[in-house]
Every structure is written in C-alpha cells, then in structure tokens.
Amino acid sequence: MKQATGFVLLATVAMMGSVWVEGAFAADDGAIDVGARRELFVDASLIQSLDGEARQVLHHPTPREIVLVCDRPWEGNGLNYITVFRDGDVYKMYYRGGDYDRGCDPTHEQVYCYAESRDGVEWTRPNLGLVEFAGSKENNILLTEKDKELGYICHNFSPFLDTNPASPAAERYKAIGGGPLFALVSPDGLRWKKASATPIVTVGDFDSHNLAFWDAVRGEYRAYHRKSRDGRDIMTETSKTFFDGWSEPVFLEYTPSRGGELYTNQVTPYYRAPHYYLGFPTRYEDRGLTPSTRHLPQWDYRQQRSAKSPREGTAVTEGLFMASRDGLRFQMFQEAFIRPGLRTADSWFYGDMYQNNGLVETRSSLAPDAPNELSMYVTEGTLQNGKPAKLRRYTLRLDGFVSVGATMPGGKLVTKPIRFSGKRLTLNLSSSARGGVRVGLLDASGAAIPGHSLDECPWIYGDAIDRPVEWTRDKGVTDDVSAAAGKPVRMVVELKDADLYSFKFE
C-alpha cells in the first residue's frame, strides 16, 4: 500500500450519507443494487464505515518511456490537448502542433496532428497528404489554423469515437472545438466537416480542452467545458442528440471541495465500470513570485517568460483525479495525482503536465505474463524556447486509481447494504506476503451469513486483478455466493498490509 505517497481520506458515516448514487437505491429496503457490475472505491458511495487503519488511498501512475517528441517543423513546444482512444486494433492519438516564443508569441500556425500505434507504446506519424504546411503535404496534419472553414477549432480540437448504435457510419467519429463549441463529424477520423452552421454550446470560456462523448449507460451525449467561477472551473451539459438540444450548462459539484483552479477536465466513462465517470483535470496553481519560485527549474528563462506575461513565470500545472456516478457530483482528491516531479531542466511550468483525454489498456510493462495495465499520456517540456515538447506514457494497474487499504495493524471496511446478482465474488487486490484480505457477508440485520462469515474466509494474499473469494466448507472451500444473490447484504472486509481496488459479483 502506498501509504506514504497516497491521499488518505477518513470515511465517516456522516459523510457517506451525503453522497448521491444515481438510480441505485431500492424503494423498499435501501439496498444499493450493484448487480454484476464492477465496483471501485473512487468515491464513498458504497462505504458505510472504515475502522482501524483502513483508509481510502489515492495511487499514482508510474512514469514510463517518452512516446512522442514534437520535433517536426509543424510541431514544436506547443503540445497540448491530446486525445487517445483505441479503435479496433489501432490506438489513435490526436494532438496539437504549435510553437511559441517564451510561451506567448506563435512562430507558426497551430495545426492538429494524428499518430497511431498497434500497442500504445510505439507510435508512428502516417503521411496523410491532407494539409499543406510550408509548401508540402507530406505530414500527419489533419487540420490547420489557416483553413477558412475549420481553422477556428485548431486550438482545442477534441474528437471521440461515437459508440452510439444509432450513429450512421458517415458520422462514426465526432468532435467538438472552438469557442463557442461547434460540432464536427468524420467517417474515418481523418477528414472532418462541420455538422451544423451554429454552435452547440455557447456559455463558457472554452480556451481549454473541452470534450464530449456518448454515454452508453445513460443513453445520452455529455460534454464538459471550461468556465470561470472563483477561478477556473468546469461546466457540463447533456443531449439525446449530438447536433442540438443540449441542456443549459451547470457547474460541477465537488466533495470535499474543488481543490484549486481546474483548467482541463479529461472526464471519461471508465470502460471497465462505465457507470463511473473518471476525471483527470489539470490543476492551475499560481502562487506568485515567492522565494521558492527562484529555486524552480530555469530561473533565467522563467524571468523571460514573466516579462511577456507574469503568470508564464510563476504559474504551475499538475494532474488531479476525481470521480462521479452521475457526471455532476464529483469526489475530488485534492492531492496531486501526478506531480511535476524531479526533472530539473524544463518542468514546473504553466502548460506542462497535462494529462490526455482517454484511458487505454496496454500490455504490461512489468512482464509478459502480468495482466494488462492502463496507459495515459502526459506532456513534458511545454513552451520551452528551442526545445520540442514531449509526451510521456504513464501506467497504472487496472482499476488502480483508489483503494481501500490498511497497514499491518489492520483495518476493516463495511459496505452499505447492497444487492448483487451472480454466483461468486472476485477482488482486485494487492497484499504483502505477510498481509492479506478476508471477506464476510452480513444479512439485513447485521448478522454473519452462515457459510460466508469473516471467520470462515481464509486469508487471501497475493496480487491479482480478479481473485475469487472462498470460504471453508466441509474441509474444503467454495466460492459460491448464489444463495445470497438478490438479497440485501453487507460486505465486511478485513485488511492487513493490503489494498482492495475493486470487487465484482459474477
């Protein structure tokens, strides 16, 4: 368990009662219907109590290799607002090409570029032949600021693969961009056109990575965009159709609070548990000129940037994590998800450490026999004179954003009443060789269910994404929980030097 570096949140019954769970409470007994869904601990909705050393712990991605260096003439130091998703066997990346003197003055027009990969690690820039730059179309440019029709969206183009079954093939890819936000469509993700003559969202600030997607669980499109409210903040809106009928934008709500100014939002349904929205916003922090500012990397260059715009030398950006079940009310983890870190040449600047939009599953960086992991991509070296910006891959275990964890003295988690379907319970967990996890089921009165009590569960130790829970039975063990399916139960989980990331009845 990453107790030393993780965010720790004491969960109390009073706080849990304030968390709203969309469409989850049954009218008769108050049990939360989890069905056969995968449930994570990225919010407090299912937690009744945490006792002893048990806590919610925020985990942090591991930095891996540089996957993209923006050293082409049409790229530069202005790399930001990256979208990555998987389409069949191909990973697709959309990123901004730009270059700026001291972070302010452009040296060439903004463009949007396309790269692709077969594994999410090795990326290539296909020669698309679509857009002319410096007299040649031999490049990977999709859109240019010089285009009279679409140039307005080259600052913040944000595409997505539309999984709405009613979407026609000619509109399989959709995007938003500009300010106000316009809708675009494409049959192949490369050739784009406006979907309507008028914008779909008009209330906002928009100079950020605004995004939209199809929510398959709720059967609607949802968008997120920037708007100021006591500093930089995020608004959201929904629509049953992509091209019109969008609801009035509303600001997000945060528990315990926003945790600073938020620039980008990077909200996405989590594909392994799509009833969760996960957000990876950029926190914008400007503490002004302090004694510490002089000790940050590149003091001389920092002063040059400040001469153009004071915040260019003093503001810093970093990655955060938040989660929601309804897309509006978010559990905010206020400690950084990704810190600017120990790099000493070009870090701790405004515009740096932007997390991409989209999570993708990739093969393990640890070993060929290890389970797949999640990959995300984060900018480095942004807006540095004479240097190309870079994109670094970060990885995290599947479901590994937040755990309920405990140190060796041990702790206990008790869930709110739940109702499940399925025949067995599996856990995504990690423990030390001496620690472990065990699980018991309680009935509606709080009594242990015979055959599935905590004492009848042998300690589970190891590291696994989907480890079945077993209970002793007639000198053997069983993982069958079907007798309790459909009934209100509580899970009680004991942990020692272990982390529980998610569970699923199946």
Protein backbone atom coordinates (compact mmCIF):
# COMPACT_ATOMS: atom_id res chain seq x y z
CA MET A 1 0.00 0.00 0.00
CA LYS A 2 1.32 3.45 -0.92
CA GLN A 3 0.53 4.96 2.45
CA ALA A 4 3.44 7.40 2.37
CA THR A 5 2.61 8.93 -1.00
CA GLY A 6 -1.11 8.35 -1.31
CA PHE A 7 -4.03 10.59 -0.46
CA VAL A 8 -5.76 9.41 2.69
CA LEU A 9 -9.44 10.08 3.31
CA LEU A 10 -11.09 9.11 6.57
CA ALA A 11 -14.56 7.89 5.65
CA THR A 12 -17.20 8.63 8.24
CA VAL A 13 -20.80 7.56 8.25
CA ALA A 14 -21.94 11.18 8.28
CA MET A 15 -20.00 11.97 5.10
CA MET A 16 -21.14 8.83 3.34
CA GLY A 17 -24.76 9.77 3.85
CA SER A 18 -24.27 12.90 1.76
CA VAL A 19 -23.11 11.05 -1.34
CA TRP A 20 -25.78 10.63 -4.02
CA VAL A 21 -25.87 7.39 -6.02
CA GLU A 22 -27.71 7.72 -9.34
CA GLY A 23 -30.71 5.40 -9.60
CA ALA A 24 -29.20 2.95 -7.14
CA PHE A 25 -31.41 2.85 -4.06
CA ALA A 26 -34.28 0.39 -3.95
CA ALA A 27 -37.55 1.80 -2.63
CA ASP A 28 -38.18 -0.93 -0.05
CA ASP A 29 -35.02 -1.62 1.91
CA GLY A 30 -32.49 0.95 0.75
CA ALA A 31 -30.06 -1.66 -0.62
CA ILE A 32 -27.85 -0.47 -3.46
CA ASP A 33 -28.27 -2.69 -6.50
CA VAL A 34 -24.75 -3.46 -7.74
CA GLY A 35 -25.94 -6.37 -9.89
CA ALA A 36 -22.94 -7.88 -11.65
CA ARG A 37 -21.19 -4.51 -12.08
CA ARG A 38 -17.60 -3.89 -11.19
CA GLU A 39 -17.48 -1.51 -8.22
CA LEU A 40 -14.48 0.70 -7.40
CA PHE A 41 -13.55 2.74 -4.34
CA VAL A 42 -13.03 6.01 -6.20
CA ASP A 43 -15.87 7.52 -4.20
CA ALA A 44 -17.55 6.82 -0.88
CA SER A 45 -20.97 5.77 -2.15
CA LEU A 46 -20.77 2.14 -1.06
CA ILE A 47 -18.82 2.62 2.17
CA GLN A 48 -20.69 2.52 5.49
CA SER A 49 -17.61 2.64 7.71
CA LEU A 50 -13.83 2.33 7.76
CA ASP A 51 -12.33 1.22 11.05
CA GLY A 52 -8.84 0.78 12.44
CA GLU A 53 -6.15 1.57 9.86
CA ALA A 54 -8.47 1.22 6.85
CA ARG A 55 -8.47 4.28 4.60
CA GLN A 56 -9.22 5.34 1.03
CA VAL A 57 -5.84 5.80 -0.65
CA LEU A 58 -5.11 7.60 -3.91
CA HIS A 59 -2.49 5.79 -6.01
CA HIS A 60 -0.21 7.37 -8.57
CA PRO A 61 0.70 6.31 -12.12
CA THR A 62 4.22 5.15 -12.90
CA PRO A 63 6.17 7.20 -15.47
CA ARG A 64 7.38 5.15 -18.43
CA GLU A 65 9.03 5.99 -21.76
CA ILE A 66 8.77 9.08 -23.94
CA VAL A 67 6.42 8.10 -26.78
CA LEU A 68 6.42 11.31 -28.85
CA VAL A 69 8.96 14.10 -29.43
CA CYS A 70 7.43 17.04 -31.30
CA ASP A 71 10.46 17.78 -33.45
CA ARG A 72 8.75 18.15 -36.84
CA PRO A 73 8.63 21.65 -38.36
CA TRP A 74 4.84 21.83 -37.93
CA GLU A 75 5.01 20.74 -34.26
CA GLY A 76 7.20 22.40 -31.61
CA ASN A 77 6.81 23.29 -27.95
CA GLY A 78 3.02 23.84 -28.01
CA LEU A 79 2.00 20.20 -27.50
CA ASN A 80 -1.24 20.01 -25.50
CA TYR A 81 -4.86 18.85 -25.57
CA ILE A 82 -4.17 15.24 -26.52
CA THR A 83 -6.92 12.67 -27.14
CA VAL A 84 -6.16 8.94 -27.26
CA PHE A 85 -8.57 6.06 -27.84
CA ARG A 86 -8.50 2.56 -29.26
CA ASP A 87 -10.41 1.77 -32.44
CA GLY A 88 -10.28 -1.96 -33.10
CA ASP A 89 -6.62 -2.96 -33.28
CA VAL A 90 -5.36 0.61 -33.67
CA TYR A 91 -4.60 3.14 -30.96
CA LYS A 92 -5.28 6.64 -32.27
CA MET A 93 -3.82 9.89 -30.99
CA TYR A 94 -4.80 13.47 -31.81
CA TYR A 95 -2.50 16.26 -30.63
CA ARG A 96 -1.88 19.93 -31.22
CA GLY A 97 1.15 21.11 -33.16
CA GLY A 98 2.30 24.61 -32.31
CA ASP A 99 5.35 26.61 -31.27
CA TYR A 100 5.58 29.74 -29.11
CA ASP A 101 8.30 32.21 -28.24
CA ARG A 102 8.56 32.38 -24.43
CA GLY A 103 5.19 30.73 -24.17
CA CYS A 104 3.28 33.60 -25.78
CA ASP A 105 4.03 34.51 -29.39
CA PRO A 106 3.40 31.84 -32.07
CA THR A 107 6.21 31.12 -34.52
CA HIS A 108 3.90 29.27 -36.92
CA GLU A 109 0.21 28.46 -37.23
CA GLN A 110 -1.50 25.95 -34.97
CA VAL A 111 -2.29 22.58 -36.53
CA TYR A 112 -3.82 19.34 -35.30
CA CYS A 113 -1.93 16.13 -35.95
CA TYR A 114 -2.61 12.40 -35.95
CA ALA A 115 -0.45 9.48 -34.79
CA GLU A 116 -1.25 5.78 -34.44
CA SER A 117 0.05 2.69 -32.71
CA ARG A 118 -0.52 -1.05 -32.55
CA ASP A 119 0.37 -1.33 -28.87
CA GLY A 120 0.02 2.12 -27.30
CA VAL A 121 3.79 2.31 -26.80
CA GLU A 122 5.40 2.68 -30.23
CA TRP A 123 3.74 5.50 -32.18
CA THR A 124 4.09 6.47 -35.84
CA ARG A 125 3.10 9.59 -37.77
CA PRO A 126 1.42 8.46 -41.01
CA ASN A 127 1.92 10.68 -44.05
CA LEU A 128 -1.69 11.77 -44.61
CA GLY A 129 -1.24 14.17 -47.51
CA LEU A 130 -4.25 16.22 -46.39
CA VAL A 131 -2.96 19.64 -45.34
CA GLU A 132 -0.20 21.83 -46.73
CA PHE A 133 2.47 23.15 -44.40
CA ALA A 134 5.41 25.20 -45.69
CA GLY A 135 4.57 24.21 -49.28
CA SER A 136 4.27 20.43 -48.68
CA LYS A 137 1.51 17.97 -47.81
CA GLU A 138 3.95 15.30 -46.63
CA ASN A 139 2.94 15.38 -43.00
CA ASN A 140 0.48 13.99 -40.46
CA ILE A 141 -1.62 17.14 -40.18
CA LEU A 142 -5.42 16.86 -40.07
CA LEU A 143 -6.41 20.48 -39.62
CA THR A 144 -4.73 23.86 -39.90
CA GLU A 145 -5.48 27.23 -38.38
CA LYS A 146 -5.28 28.68 -41.88
CA ASP A 147 -8.36 26.75 -43.02
CA LYS A 148 -11.20 29.23 -43.55
CA GLU A 149 -13.86 26.67 -42.67
CA LEU A 150 -12.34 24.74 -39.73
CA GLY A 151 -9.36 26.82 -38.59
CA TYR A 152 -11.19 28.07 -35.51
CA ILE A 153 -11.05 24.65 -33.84
CA CYS A 154 -7.27 24.11 -34.17
CA HIS A 155 -6.59 25.38 -30.67
CA ASN A 156 -8.70 22.76 -28.90
CA PHE A 157 -9.93 20.09 -31.32
CA SER A 158 -11.38 17.20 -29.29
CA PRO A 159 -12.54 14.06 -31.18
CA PHE A 160 -14.16 10.85 -29.94
CA LEU A 161 -15.28 7.53 -31.37
CA ASP A 162 -19.07 7.55 -31.22
CA THR A 163 -20.32 4.19 -29.95
CA ASN A 164 -23.99 5.21 -30.17
CA PRO A 165 -25.56 2.31 -32.15
CA ALA A 166 -27.87 4.82 -33.88
CA SER A 167 -24.97 6.86 -35.26
CA PRO A 168 -24.55 6.42 -39.04
CA ALA A 169 -21.21 5.25 -40.45
CA ALA A 170 -20.54 8.66 -42.02
CA GLU A 171 -20.61 10.15 -38.50
CA ARG A 172 -18.74 7.38 -36.68
CA TYR A 173 -16.25 9.93 -35.40
CA LYS A 174 -17.40 13.16 -33.80
CA ALA A 175 -15.62 16.13 -32.30
CA ILE A 176 -16.09 19.50 -30.68
CA GLY A 177 -13.82 22.51 -30.78
CA GLY A 178 -13.54 26.25 -30.96
CA GLY A 179 -15.25 28.77 -28.76
CA PRO A 180 -18.22 28.69 -28.71
CA LEU A 181 -18.21 24.95 -29.27
CA PHE A 182 -19.04 23.62 -32.72
CA ALA A 183 -19.79 20.01 -33.66
CA LEU A 184 -17.82 18.14 -36.32
CA VAL A 185 -18.19 14.69 -37.88
CA SER A 186 -15.97 12.32 -39.84
CA PRO A 187 -16.34 8.86 -41.40
CA ASP A 188 -12.69 7.91 -40.79
CA GLY A 189 -11.32 10.19 -38.05
CA LEU A 190 -9.13 11.98 -40.61
CA ARG A 191 -11.39 14.04 -42.86
CA TRP A 192 -13.64 16.36 -40.90
CA LYS A 193 -16.52 18.70 -41.62
CA LYS A 194 -18.82 20.93 -39.62
CA ALA A 195 -22.05 19.24 -38.57
CA SER A 196 -24.08 22.43 -38.35
CA ALA A 197 -23.78 26.13 -39.00
CA THR A 198 -24.38 27.11 -35.39
CA PRO A 199 -22.52 26.14 -32.21
CA ILE A 200 -23.94 23.52 -29.85
CA VAL A 201 -22.64 25.12 -26.60
CA THR A 202 -22.32 28.88 -26.23
CA VAL A 203 -21.95 29.54 -22.47
CA GLY A 204 -18.35 29.17 -21.34
CA ASP A 205 -14.75 30.35 -21.64
CA PHE A 206 -13.66 27.46 -23.94
CA ASP A 207 -9.89 28.23 -24.15
CA SER A 208 -9.12 24.75 -22.87
CA HIS A 209 -9.52 21.09 -23.80
CA ASN A 210 -13.31 20.84 -23.86
CA LEU A 211 -14.72 17.41 -24.69
CA ALA A 212 -17.79 15.32 -25.40
CA PHE A 213 -18.68 11.60 -25.59
CA TRP A 214 -21.55 9.14 -25.88
CA ASP A 215 -22.64 7.72 -22.52
CA ALA A 216 -23.88 4.21 -23.27
CA VAL A 217 -25.17 3.60 -19.73
CA ARG A 218 -27.47 6.63 -19.71
CA GLY A 219 -28.15 6.78 -23.45
CA GLU A 220 -27.11 10.39 -23.98
CA TYR A 221 -24.24 12.62 -25.08
CA ARG A 222 -22.39 14.54 -22.41
CA ALA A 223 -19.94 17.42 -22.74
CA TYR A 224 -17.57 19.20 -20.35
CA HIS A 225 -16.01 22.61 -20.85
CA ARG A 226 -14.21 25.39 -19.00
CA LYS A 227 -15.88 28.37 -17.33
CA SER A 228 -14.69 30.70 -14.56
CA ARG A 229 -16.29 30.56 -11.10
CA ASP A 230 -13.94 31.98 -8.46
CA GLY A 231 -11.15 30.89 -10.78
CA ARG A 232 -11.01 28.26 -13.50
CA ASP A 233 -13.78 25.68 -13.23
CA ILE A 234 -15.76 23.10 -15.23
CA MET A 235 -19.33 23.02 -16.58
CA THR A 236 -21.27 20.10 -18.05
CA GLU A 237 -24.30 19.61 -20.32
CA THR A 238 -26.17 16.69 -21.93
CA SER A 239 -28.20 15.96 -25.05
CA LYS A 240 -30.03 13.00 -26.54
CA THR A 241 -28.71 14.04 -29.97
CA PHE A 242 -25.24 15.38 -30.70
CA PHE A 243 -26.11 18.24 -33.02
CA ASP A 244 -28.71 20.14 -30.98
CA GLY A 245 -30.90 20.06 -27.89
CA TRP A 246 -28.10 20.48 -25.36
CA SER A 247 -29.14 21.28 -21.81
CA GLU A 248 -28.18 24.51 -20.08
CA PRO A 249 -24.62 24.15 -18.74
CA VAL A 250 -24.21 23.76 -14.98
CA PHE A 251 -21.09 23.84 -12.83
CA LEU A 252 -19.78 20.63 -11.34
CA GLU A 253 -20.14 19.98 -7.61
CA TYR A 254 -17.16 18.72 -5.60
CA THR A 255 -16.65 16.81 -2.34
CA PRO A 256 -14.91 17.95 -0.22
CA SER A 257 -14.20 20.95 -2.48
CA ARG A 258 -12.64 21.82 -5.85
CA GLY A 259 -9.04 21.74 -4.62
CA GLY A 260 -7.79 24.72 -6.66
CA GLU A 261 -8.43 26.07 -10.13
CA LEU A 262 -9.16 23.45 -12.78
CA TYR A 263 -8.09 24.07 -16.35
CA THR A 264 -8.71 20.92 -18.41
CA ASN A 265 -11.15 18.25 -17.20
CA GLN A 266 -10.49 14.98 -19.12
CA VAL A 267 -13.68 13.29 -17.86
CA THR A 268 -14.45 9.88 -19.34
CA PRO A 269 -16.68 6.88 -18.55
CA TYR A 270 -14.44 4.12 -17.20
CA TYR A 271 -14.72 1.28 -19.71
CA ARG A 272 -14.43 -1.50 -17.09
CA ALA A 273 -17.19 0.10 -14.99
CA PRO A 274 -18.99 2.57 -17.28
CA HIS A 275 -21.39 3.79 -14.59
CA TYR A 276 -18.40 5.71 -13.20
CA TYR A 277 -17.14 8.95 -14.68
CA LEU A 278 -13.42 9.41 -14.02
CA GLY A 279 -11.81 12.84 -14.41
CA PHE A 280 -8.15 13.76 -14.82
CA PRO A 281 -8.21 17.56 -14.65
CA THR A 282 -5.25 19.90 -14.78
CA ARG A 283 -4.83 21.99 -11.67
CA TYR A 284 -3.67 25.55 -12.37
CA GLU A 285 -1.74 26.99 -9.43
CA ASP A 286 -0.21 30.47 -9.39
CA ARG A 287 1.36 31.33 -6.03
CA GLY A 288 3.03 34.41 -7.44
CA LEU A 289 6.69 35.32 -7.10
CA THR A 290 7.94 33.74 -3.88
CA PRO A 291 11.40 32.72 -2.63
CA SER A 292 10.64 29.18 -3.86
CA THR A 293 9.98 30.41 -7.41
CA ARG A 294 13.66 31.29 -7.77
CA HIS A 295 14.59 27.67 -7.00
CA LEU A 296 12.34 26.17 -9.64
CA PRO A 297 13.97 25.00 -12.91
CA GLN A 298 15.32 27.60 -15.35
CA TRP A 299 15.05 30.81 -13.34
CA ASP A 300 16.52 32.91 -16.18
CA TYR A 301 14.04 31.59 -18.72
CA ARG A 302 11.25 31.91 -16.19
CA GLN A 303 12.01 35.63 -15.94
CA GLN A 304 11.97 35.96 -19.73
CA ARG A 305 8.52 34.41 -19.81
CA SER A 306 7.32 36.64 -17.00
CA ALA A 307 8.42 39.69 -18.96
CA LYS A 308 5.88 38.71 -21.61
CA SER A 309 3.19 37.62 -19.12
CA PRO A 310 3.76 37.39 -15.34
CA ARG A 311 1.93 34.07 -14.95
CA GLU A 312 4.17 32.42 -17.55
CA GLY A 313 6.96 32.55 -14.98
CA THR A 314 5.07 31.82 -11.77
CA ALA A 315 2.08 29.56 -12.56
CA VAL A 316 2.45 25.77 -12.43
CA THR A 317 0.17 22.98 -13.67
CA GLU A 318 -0.18 19.37 -12.50
CA GLY A 319 -2.57 16.43 -12.75
CA LEU A 320 -5.51 15.63 -10.44
CA PHE A 321 -8.04 12.80 -10.14
CA MET A 322 -11.78 12.90 -9.44
CA ALA A 323 -14.73 10.51 -9.82
CA SER A 324 -18.51 10.62 -10.11
CA ARG A 325 -21.51 8.34 -10.55
CA ASP A 326 -23.77 10.93 -12.15
CA GLY A 327 -21.40 13.17 -14.10
CA LEU A 328 -22.22 16.20 -11.96
CA ARG A 329 -21.19 15.46 -8.37
CA PHE A 330 -17.53 14.52 -8.12
CA GLN A 331 -15.42 13.12 -5.31
CA MET A 332 -12.30 15.29 -5.62
CA PHE A 333 -8.93 14.02 -4.46
CA GLN A 334 -7.14 17.27 -3.69
CA GLU A 335 -3.59 15.90 -3.56
CA ALA A 336 -1.86 15.67 -6.93
CA PHE A 337 -2.41 12.52 -8.98
CA ILE A 338 0.72 13.35 -11.00
CA ARG A 339 3.20 15.86 -9.56
CA PRO A 340 5.58 17.92 -11.71
CA GLY A 341 8.38 15.76 -10.34
CA LEU A 342 12.17 15.73 -10.17
CA ARG A 343 13.03 16.78 -13.72
CA THR A 344 15.34 19.80 -13.39
CA ALA A 345 15.55 21.20 -16.93
CA ASP A 346 12.07 22.01 -18.18
CA SER A 347 9.48 21.18 -15.51
CA TRP A 348 7.35 23.14 -13.04
CA PHE A 349 5.98 25.46 -15.73
CA TYR A 350 2.49 26.56 -16.69
CA GLY A 351 1.21 24.41 -19.56
CA ASP A 352 3.19 21.36 -18.51
CA MET A 353 1.96 18.01 -17.07
CA TYR A 354 -1.35 17.96 -18.96
CA GLN A 355 -2.99 14.53 -18.87
CA ASN A 356 -4.54 13.29 -22.09
CA ASN A 357 -8.21 12.67 -22.70
CA GLY A 358 -8.92 8.95 -22.71
CA LEU A 359 -7.64 5.80 -20.99
CA VAL A 360 -6.38 2.83 -23.00
CA GLU A 361 -5.48 -0.70 -21.98
CA THR A 362 -1.99 -1.85 -22.94
CA ARG A 363 0.23 -4.85 -22.31
CA SER A 364 2.09 -4.95 -19.02
CA SER A 365 5.34 -3.01 -18.64
CA LEU A 366 6.35 -5.43 -15.89
CA ALA A 367 6.42 -8.86 -17.55
CA PRO A 368 4.81 -10.78 -20.45
CA ASP A 369 2.80 -12.89 -18.01
CA ALA A 370 1.48 -9.93 -15.99
CA PRO A 371 -2.06 -8.60 -16.55
CA ASN A 372 -2.64 -5.69 -18.89
CA GLU A 373 -2.45 -2.19 -17.46
CA LEU A 374 -3.87 1.26 -18.11
CA SER A 375 -1.88 3.80 -20.10
CA MET A 376 -2.24 7.56 -20.11
CA TYR A 377 -0.04 10.21 -21.71
CA VAL A 378 1.31 13.38 -20.09
CA THR A 379 3.03 16.41 -21.60
CA GLU A 380 6.58 17.46 -20.73
CA GLY A 381 8.77 20.37 -21.79
CA THR A 382 5.83 22.52 -22.83
CA LEU A 383 6.53 26.07 -24.11
CA GLN A 384 10.31 25.83 -23.73
CA ASN A 385 12.22 28.00 -26.21
CA GLY A 386 14.33 25.99 -28.62
CA LYS A 387 13.05 22.65 -27.32
CA PRO A 388 10.38 20.34 -28.69
CA ALA A 389 7.66 19.28 -26.25
CA LYS A 390 7.42 15.59 -25.37
CA LEU A 391 4.74 13.12 -24.41
CA ARG A 392 5.45 10.53 -21.73
CA ARG A 393 3.41 7.40 -21.11
CA TYR A 394 2.29 6.65 -17.55
CA THR A 395 0.82 3.35 -16.37
CA LEU A 396 -1.49 2.17 -13.61
CA ARG A 397 -2.92 -1.22 -12.72
CA LEU A 398 -6.44 -1.93 -13.92
CA ASP A 399 -8.90 -0.20 -11.52
CA GLY A 400 -5.85 1.09 -9.64
CA PHE A 401 -6.87 4.70 -9.05
CA VAL A 402 -8.01 4.44 -5.44
CA SER A 403 -8.04 1.55 -2.98
CA VAL A 404 -9.31 0.84 0.45
CA GLY A 405 -6.07 -0.09 2.14
CA ALA A 406 -4.70 -0.77 5.60
CA THR A 407 -1.28 -1.05 7.19
CA MET A 408 -0.14 -4.19 9.01
CA PRO A 409 -2.01 -3.41 12.26
CA GLY A 410 -5.12 -3.91 10.14
CA GLY A 411 -8.42 -2.28 9.42
CA LYS A 412 -11.95 -3.08 8.38
CA LEU A 413 -14.36 -1.92 5.66
CA VAL A 414 -18.12 -2.37 5.98
CA THR A 415 -20.26 -1.55 2.96
CA LYS A 416 -23.73 -0.14 2.88
CA PRO A 417 -26.46 -2.68 2.15
CA ILE A 418 -26.09 -3.96 -1.41
CA ARG A 419 -27.98 -6.37 -3.63
CA PHE A 420 -25.99 -8.41 -6.15
CA SER A 421 -26.50 -10.97 -8.87
CA GLY A 422 -24.10 -13.75 -9.73
CA LYS A 423 -22.53 -16.84 -8.22
CA ARG A 424 -19.12 -15.70 -6.98
CA LEU A 425 -17.27 -12.64 -5.74
CA THR A 426 -13.94 -11.57 -7.25
CA LEU A 427 -11.50 -8.96 -5.96
CA ASN A 428 -8.83 -6.75 -7.48
CA LEU A 429 -6.33 -6.72 -4.63
CA SER A 430 -2.68 -6.49 -3.67
CA SER A 431 -1.04 -7.55 -0.42
CA SER A 432 2.33 -8.25 1.09
CA ALA A 433 3.43 -11.83 1.77
CA ARG A 434 2.51 -11.43 5.44
CA GLY A 435 -0.65 -9.34 4.94
CA GLY A 436 -3.91 -10.11 3.20
CA VAL A 437 -7.67 -9.70 2.89
CA ARG A 438 -10.68 -11.67 4.01
CA VAL A 439 -14.37 -11.07 3.33
CA GLY A 440 -17.60 -11.83 5.14
CA LEU A 441 -21.24 -11.31 4.21
CA LEU A 442 -23.79 -9.91 6.66
CA ASP A 443 -27.57 -10.20 6.38
CA ALA A 444 -30.05 -7.33 6.67
CA SER A 445 -29.90 -7.48 10.48
CA GLY A 446 -26.11 -7.28 10.50
CA ALA A 447 -25.58 -10.92 11.45
CA ALA A 448 -22.96 -13.02 9.69
CA ILE A 449 -24.41 -15.27 7.00
CA PRO A 450 -23.54 -18.88 7.90
CA GLY A 451 -21.00 -20.31 5.50
CA HIS A 452 -19.89 -16.83 4.38
CA SER A 453 -18.69 -15.25 7.62
CA LEU A 454 -15.43 -13.40 8.04
CA ASP A 455 -14.01 -16.20 10.21
CA GLU A 456 -14.82 -18.80 7.53
CA CYS A 457 -12.86 -16.90 4.85
CA PRO A 458 -9.21 -17.99 4.64
CA TRP A 459 -6.81 -15.06 4.36
CA ILE A 460 -6.31 -14.07 0.72
CA TYR A 461 -2.78 -12.90 -0.03
CA GLY A 462 -1.07 -12.14 -3.32
CA ASP A 463 -1.64 -9.74 -6.19
CA ALA A 464 -4.45 -10.30 -8.68
CA ILE A 465 -6.98 -8.44 -10.80
CA ASP A 466 -9.84 -10.92 -10.33
CA ARG A 467 -9.14 -13.22 -7.39
CA PRO A 468 -12.22 -15.25 -6.32
CA VAL A 469 -13.17 -15.12 -2.63
CA GLU A 470 -13.52 -18.53 -0.98
CA TRP A 471 -14.98 -19.78 2.29
CA THR A 472 -14.26 -23.05 4.11
CA ARG A 473 -16.89 -25.74 3.72
CA ASP A 474 -16.71 -29.43 4.79
CA LYS A 475 -12.89 -29.48 4.94
CA GLY A 476 -12.75 -27.79 1.55
CA VAL A 477 -13.51 -24.36 0.14
CA THR A 478 -16.26 -22.85 -2.01
CA ASP A 479 -16.68 -19.58 -3.86
CA ASP A 480 -20.44 -19.99 -4.39
CA VAL A 481 -22.43 -16.99 -3.08
CA SER A 482 -25.58 -17.61 -5.15
CA ALA A 483 -27.70 -18.29 -2.03
CA ALA A 484 -27.33 -14.61 -1.05
CA ALA A 485 -27.94 -13.22 -4.54
CA GLY A 486 -30.86 -10.79 -4.78
CA LYS A 487 -30.99 -10.24 -1.01
CA PRO A 488 -29.80 -7.16 0.88
CA VAL A 489 -26.36 -7.90 2.33
CA ARG A 490 -23.34 -6.01 3.60
CA MET A 491 -19.76 -6.91 2.81
CA VAL A 492 -17.27 -6.73 5.67
CA VAL A 493 -13.64 -6.74 4.54
CA GLU A 494 -10.66 -7.10 6.87
CA LEU A 495 -7.30 -5.92 5.52
CA LYS A 496 -3.69 -6.13 6.73
CA ASP A 497 -0.90 -4.53 4.67
CA ALA A 498 -3.17 -4.80 1.65
CA ASP A 499 -5.13 -2.76 -0.88
CA LEU A 500 -8.57 -3.55 -2.31
CA TYR A 501 -9.17 -1.71 -5.59
CA SER A 502 -12.46 -3.15 -6.80
CA PHE A 503 -14.89 -6.03 -6.48
CA LYS A 504 -17.38 -7.75 -8.76
CA PHE A 505 -20.06 -10.37 -8.32
CA GLU A 506 -20.27 -12.55 -11.40
